[in-house]
C-alpha atoms as a PDB file:
ATOM      1  CA  MET A   1       0.000   0.000   0.000  1.00  0.00           C
ATOM      2  CA  LYS A   2       1.501   3.339  -1.051  1.00  0.00           C
ATOM      3  CA  ILE A   3       1.328   6.584   0.916  1.00  0.00           C
ATOM      4  CA  LYS A   4       3.036   9.973   0.723  1.00  0.00           C
ATOM      5  CA  VAL A   5       4.577  11.746   3.716  1.00  0.00           C
ATOM      6  CA  LYS A   6       5.380  15.471   3.625  1.00  0.00           C
ATOM      7  CA  PHE A   7       7.579  17.032   6.285  1.00  0.00           C
ATOM      8  CA  TYR A   8       7.318  20.686   7.279  1.00  0.00           C
ATOM      9  CA  LEU A   9      10.182  20.324   9.756  1.00  0.00           C
ATOM     10  CA  SER A  10      13.906  20.957   9.772  1.00  0.00           C
ATOM     11  CA  SER A  11      15.971  18.000   8.582  1.00  0.00           C
ATOM     12  CA  LYS A  12      18.115  18.568  11.677  1.00  0.00           C
ATOM     13  CA  LEU A  13      15.095  17.657  13.820  1.00  0.00           C
ATOM     14  CA  THR A  14      14.003  14.696  11.728  1.00  0.00           C
ATOM     15  CA  GLY A  15      17.213  13.213  10.338  1.00  0.00           C
ATOM     16  CA  ILE A  16      15.342  12.986   7.030  1.00  0.00           C
ATOM     17  CA  ASN A  17      16.908  14.897   4.136  1.00  0.00           C
ATOM     18  CA  GLU A  18      13.837  14.883   1.907  1.00  0.00           C
ATOM     19  CA  ASP A  19      10.766  17.094   2.362  1.00  0.00           C
ATOM     20  CA  GLU A  20       8.607  14.341   0.903  1.00  0.00           C
ATOM     21  CA  LEU A  21       8.745  10.543   1.031  1.00  0.00           C
ATOM     22  CA  ASN A  22       6.807   7.934  -0.890  1.00  0.00           C
ATOM     23  CA  MET A  23       6.432   4.922   1.375  1.00  0.00           C
ATOM     24  CA  GLU A  24       5.099   1.403   1.184  1.00  0.00           C
ATOM     25  CA  LEU A  25       3.134  -0.103   4.065  1.00  0.00           C
ATOM     26  CA  GLU A  26       2.091  -3.725   4.286  1.00  0.00           C
ATOM     27  CA  LYS A  27      -1.393  -2.953   5.592  1.00  0.00           C
ATOM     28  CA  GLU A  28      -3.597  -0.222   7.011  1.00  0.00           C
ATOM     29  CA  ILE A  29      -2.288   0.963  10.378  1.00  0.00           C
ATOM     30  CA  PHE A  30      -3.078   3.592  12.996  1.00  0.00           C
ATOM     31  CA  LEU A  31      -1.225   6.892  12.814  1.00  0.00           C
ATOM     32  CA  GLU A  32       0.439   6.123  16.156  1.00  0.00           C
ATOM     33  CA  GLU A  33       1.862   2.875  14.739  1.00  0.00           C
ATOM     34  CA  PHE A  34       3.061   4.702  11.638  1.00  0.00           C
ATOM     35  CA  LEU A  35       4.881   7.336  13.696  1.00  0.00           C
ATOM     36  CA  ASN A  36       6.579   4.579  15.670  1.00  0.00           C
ATOM     37  CA  LEU A  37       7.689   2.998  12.362  1.00  0.00           C
ATOM     38  CA  LEU A  38       9.110   6.354  11.257  1.00  0.00           C
ATOM     39  CA  GLY A  39      10.932   6.592  14.570  1.00  0.00           C
ATOM     40  CA  GLU A  40      12.483   3.162  14.050  1.00  0.00           C
ATOM     41  CA  LYS A  41      13.493   3.893  10.461  1.00  0.00           C
ATOM     42  CA  TYR A  42      14.754   7.407  11.251  1.00  0.00           C
ATOM     43  CA  PRO A  43      16.257   7.407  14.778  1.00  0.00           C
ATOM     44  CA  VAL A  44      16.675  11.205  14.942  1.00  0.00           C
ATOM     45  CA  PHE A  45      12.944  11.595  14.272  1.00  0.00           C
ATOM     46  CA  GLY A  46      12.194   8.963  16.910  1.00  0.00           C
ATOM     47  CA  LYS A  47      14.437  10.579  19.493  1.00  0.00           C
ATOM     48  CA  ASN A  48      13.002  14.053  18.931  1.00  0.00           C
ATOM     49  CA  PHE A  49       9.318  13.275  18.450  1.00  0.00           C
ATOM     50  CA  ILE A  50       8.083   9.817  19.380  1.00  0.00           C
ATOM     51  CA  TYR A  51       8.162  10.379  23.132  1.00  0.00           C
ATOM     52  CA  SER A  52       5.761  13.300  22.645  1.00  0.00           C
ATOM     53  CA  LEU A  53       3.084  10.704  21.892  1.00  0.00           C
ATOM     54  CA  GLY A  54       3.179   9.458  25.459  1.00  0.00           C
ATOM     55  CA  ALA A  55       3.715   5.952  24.140  1.00  0.00           C
ATOM     56  CA  ARG A  56       6.622   5.460  26.510  1.00  0.00           C
ATOM     57  CA  GLY A  57       4.778   6.934  29.489  1.00  0.00           C
ATOM     58  CA  ASP A  58       7.795   8.896  30.706  1.00  0.00           C
ATOM     59  CA  ALA A  59       7.044  12.616  31.085  1.00  0.00           C
ATOM     60  CA  LYS A  60      10.764  13.367  31.530  1.00  0.00           C
ATOM     61  CA  LYS A  61      11.340  12.280  27.935  1.00  0.00           C
ATOM     62  CA  ALA A  62       8.611  14.481  26.434  1.00  0.00           C
ATOM     63  CA  ARG A  63       9.627  16.031  23.129  1.00  0.00           C
ATOM     64  CA  ILE A  64       8.374  18.663  20.707  1.00  0.00           C
ATOM     65  CA  PRO A  65       4.732  17.986  19.748  1.00  0.00           C
ATOM     66  CA  LEU A  66       3.632  17.534  16.153  1.00  0.00           C
ATOM     67  CA  LEU A  67       0.586  18.576  14.177  1.00  0.00           C
ATOM     68  CA  ILE A  68      -0.335  15.822  11.741  1.00  0.00           C
ATOM     69  CA  MET A  69      -2.791  16.064   8.887  1.00  0.00           C
ATOM     70  CA  ILE A  70      -4.031  13.168   6.784  1.00  0.00           C
ATOM     71  CA  ASN A  71      -5.532  14.220   3.464  1.00  0.00           C
ATOM     72  CA  ASN A  72      -5.702  17.869   4.638  1.00  0.00           C
ATOM     73  CA  LYS A  73      -7.627  17.024   7.827  1.00  0.00           C
ATOM     74  CA  TYR A  74      -6.375  17.125  11.411  1.00  0.00           C
ATOM     75  CA  SER A  75      -5.749  13.558  12.568  1.00  0.00           C
ATOM     76  CA  GLY A  76      -5.599  11.853  15.931  1.00  0.00           C
ATOM     77  CA  LEU A  77      -3.318   8.967  16.807  1.00  0.00           C
ATOM     78  CA  LYS A  78      -6.092   6.404  16.241  1.00  0.00           C
ATOM     79  CA  GLN A  79      -6.748   7.596  12.679  1.00  0.00           C
ATOM     80  CA  THR A  80      -6.230   4.756  10.178  1.00  0.00           C
ATOM     81  CA  ILE A  81      -3.761   5.294   7.352  1.00  0.00           C
ATOM     82  CA  LYS A  82      -5.022   3.866   4.070  1.00  0.00           C
ATOM     83  CA  GLN A  83      -3.842   3.356   0.492  1.00  0.00           C
ATOM     84  CA  GLY A  84      -3.059   6.672  -1.221  1.00  0.00           C
ATOM     85  CA  ASP A  85      -3.190   8.817   1.923  1.00  0.00           C
ATOM     86  CA  VAL A  86      -1.071  11.948   2.138  1.00  0.00           C
ATOM     87  CA  ILE A  87       0.359  12.572   5.610  1.00  0.00           C
ATOM     88  CA  GLU A  88       1.672  16.040   6.429  1.00  0.00           C
ATOM     89  CA  ILE A  89       3.799  16.514   9.550  1.00  0.00           C
ATOM     90  CA  PHE A  90       4.228  19.992  11.034  1.00  0.00           C
ATOM     91  CA  LEU A  91       6.057  21.297  14.051  1.00  0.00           C
ATOM     92  CA  PHE A  92       3.394  22.444  16.496  1.00  0.00           C
ATOM     93  CA  ALA A  93       4.574  25.789  17.821  1.00  0.00           C
ATOM     94  CA  ALA A  94       3.131  28.890  19.371  1.00  0.00           C
ATOM     95  CA  GLY A  95       4.442  32.365  19.694  1.00  0.00           C
ATOM     96  CA  GLY A  96       3.469  35.714  20.913  1.00  0.00           C
END
């Protein structure tokens, strides 16, 4: 199953040199599972972002949160990723 991933993040934060990846997945998976796969494949991304999901349950390891859109719609971690989906990953930041 093919999907597209677009990054709106610094490559220094992700360890990924491309702004866009075409990826193959074996089956439909939850967004949370997909982010964990990205973290395994790209350790810098995992180190900087995966702990923000709370998957590890360790508040001391919290990282920068992400805003993730699937097909131009805000998506939660239990959103299913399907064939042809476009996933956009943004750095969630605020300023004043």
